[in-house]
N, C-alpha and C. Protein backbone atom coordinates (compact mmCIF):
# COMPACT_ATOMS: atom_id res chain seq x y z
N UNK A 1 21.52 28.54 7.09
CA UNK A 1 22.20 29.19 8.18
C UNK A 1 22.32 28.21 9.34
N UNK A 2 23.49 28.17 9.94
CA UNK A 2 23.72 27.32 11.10
C UNK A 2 24.08 28.19 12.29
N UNK A 3 23.60 27.81 13.44
CA UNK A 3 23.97 28.49 14.67
C UNK A 3 24.18 27.43 15.73
N UNK A 4 25.30 27.51 16.39
CA UNK A 4 25.59 26.56 17.46
C UNK A 4 26.08 27.35 18.65
N UNK A 5 25.34 27.36 19.72
CA UNK A 5 25.72 28.14 20.89
C UNK A 5 25.70 27.31 22.15
N UNK A 6 26.65 26.40 22.26
CA UNK A 6 26.71 25.54 23.45
C UNK A 6 27.80 26.05 24.40
N UNK A 7 27.43 26.44 25.61
CA UNK A 7 28.47 26.82 26.58
C UNK A 7 29.29 25.59 26.96
N UNK A 8 30.60 25.77 27.05
CA UNK A 8 31.42 24.61 27.42
C UNK A 8 31.99 24.70 28.83
N UNK A 9 32.02 25.94 29.41
CA UNK A 9 32.54 26.10 30.77
C UNK A 9 32.22 27.51 31.25
N UNK A 10 32.44 27.76 32.53
CA UNK A 10 32.27 29.10 33.11
C UNK A 10 33.45 29.98 32.71
N UNK A 11 33.21 31.30 32.61
CA UNK A 11 34.30 32.24 32.35
C UNK A 11 35.25 32.25 33.55
N UNK A 12 36.54 32.33 33.30
CA UNK A 12 37.51 32.53 34.37
C UNK A 12 37.50 34.01 34.75
N UNK A 13 37.87 34.31 35.99
CA UNK A 13 37.85 35.69 36.48
C UNK A 13 38.78 36.60 35.66
N UNK A 14 39.91 36.07 35.18
CA UNK A 14 40.89 36.87 34.45
C UNK A 14 40.70 36.80 32.93
N UNK A 15 39.64 36.19 32.49
CA UNK A 15 39.44 35.96 31.06
C UNK A 15 38.61 37.07 30.42
N UNK A 16 39.06 37.54 29.24
CA UNK A 16 38.28 38.53 28.50
C UNK A 16 37.04 37.85 27.93
N UNK A 17 35.89 38.44 28.20
CA UNK A 17 34.63 37.87 27.71
C UNK A 17 34.34 38.44 26.32
N UNK A 18 34.37 37.59 25.33
CA UNK A 18 34.07 38.04 23.97
C UNK A 18 33.41 36.91 23.20
N UNK A 19 32.67 37.30 22.21
CA UNK A 19 32.02 36.37 21.31
C UNK A 19 32.45 36.72 19.89
N UNK A 20 32.45 35.75 19.02
CA UNK A 20 32.83 35.99 17.64
C UNK A 20 31.77 35.41 16.71
N UNK A 21 31.52 36.13 15.64
CA UNK A 21 30.68 35.64 14.55
C UNK A 21 31.60 35.32 13.38
N UNK A 22 31.37 34.20 12.74
CA UNK A 22 32.18 33.81 11.59
C UNK A 22 31.27 33.68 10.38
N UNK A 23 31.61 34.40 9.33
CA UNK A 23 30.87 34.33 8.07
C UNK A 23 31.72 33.59 7.06
N UNK A 24 31.15 32.61 6.44
CA UNK A 24 31.85 31.83 5.43
C UNK A 24 31.10 32.02 4.11
N UNK A 25 31.81 32.48 3.10
CA UNK A 25 31.17 32.68 1.81
C UNK A 25 32.14 33.32 0.84
N UNK A 26 31.64 33.59 -0.33
CA UNK A 26 32.45 34.21 -1.38
C UNK A 26 31.94 35.62 -1.64
N UNK A 27 32.89 36.49 -1.93
CA UNK A 27 32.58 37.87 -2.31
C UNK A 27 31.67 38.57 -1.31
N UNK A 28 31.89 38.32 -0.02
CA UNK A 28 31.12 39.00 1.01
C UNK A 28 31.60 40.44 1.12
N UNK A 29 30.69 41.36 1.30
CA UNK A 29 31.01 42.77 1.43
C UNK A 29 31.27 43.07 2.91
N UNK A 30 32.55 43.03 3.30
CA UNK A 30 32.91 43.19 4.71
C UNK A 30 32.44 44.53 5.26
N UNK A 31 32.62 45.60 4.51
CA UNK A 31 32.21 46.93 4.99
C UNK A 31 30.71 46.97 5.25
N UNK A 32 29.91 46.39 4.37
CA UNK A 32 28.45 46.37 4.54
C UNK A 32 28.07 45.52 5.74
N UNK A 33 28.69 44.35 5.90
CA UNK A 33 28.40 43.50 7.05
C UNK A 33 28.70 44.23 8.36
N UNK A 34 29.88 44.86 8.42
CA UNK A 34 30.25 45.59 9.64
C UNK A 34 29.28 46.74 9.91
N UNK A 35 28.95 47.48 8.88
CA UNK A 35 28.04 48.61 9.03
C UNK A 35 26.67 48.16 9.53
N UNK A 36 26.13 47.13 8.92
CA UNK A 36 24.80 46.65 9.30
C UNK A 36 24.79 46.07 10.71
N UNK A 37 25.83 45.33 11.09
CA UNK A 37 25.87 44.78 12.45
C UNK A 37 26.08 45.87 13.49
N UNK A 38 26.86 46.89 13.15
CA UNK A 38 27.06 48.00 14.08
C UNK A 38 25.74 48.69 14.40
N UNK A 39 24.85 48.76 13.43
CA UNK A 39 23.53 49.37 13.65
C UNK A 39 22.68 48.55 14.63
N UNK A 40 23.01 47.29 14.80
CA UNK A 40 22.23 46.40 15.68
C UNK A 40 22.75 46.37 17.12
N UNK A 41 23.87 47.04 17.40
CA UNK A 41 24.44 46.99 18.74
C UNK A 41 23.49 47.58 19.77
N UNK A 42 23.35 46.88 20.87
CA UNK A 42 22.54 47.39 21.99
C UNK A 42 23.37 48.43 22.74
N UNK A 43 22.72 49.47 23.19
CA UNK A 43 23.40 50.52 23.95
C UNK A 43 22.59 50.84 25.19
N UNK A 44 23.21 51.52 26.11
CA UNK A 44 22.51 51.94 27.32
C UNK A 44 23.08 51.26 28.55
N UNK A 45 22.38 51.39 29.64
CA UNK A 45 22.82 50.85 30.92
C UNK A 45 22.97 49.34 30.82
N UNK A 46 24.11 48.85 31.26
CA UNK A 46 24.35 47.41 31.27
C UNK A 46 24.97 46.87 30.00
N UNK A 47 25.17 47.73 29.00
CA UNK A 47 25.79 47.29 27.76
C UNK A 47 27.13 47.97 27.59
N UNK A 48 28.06 47.30 26.91
CA UNK A 48 29.42 47.80 26.76
C UNK A 48 29.56 49.00 25.84
N UNK A 49 28.64 49.20 24.93
CA UNK A 49 28.77 50.32 23.98
C UNK A 49 27.56 51.19 24.05
């Protein structure tokens, strides 16, 4: 597993703040990945969902 999280600049005021995860592999079960990651979402005050 590789993870690289280097900030390259500050967010612009008009820029949508989003992050993306990229999975590379064969025969990945997209529905299972989405379901499992959705269960990990933080909720409550200060979080988007």
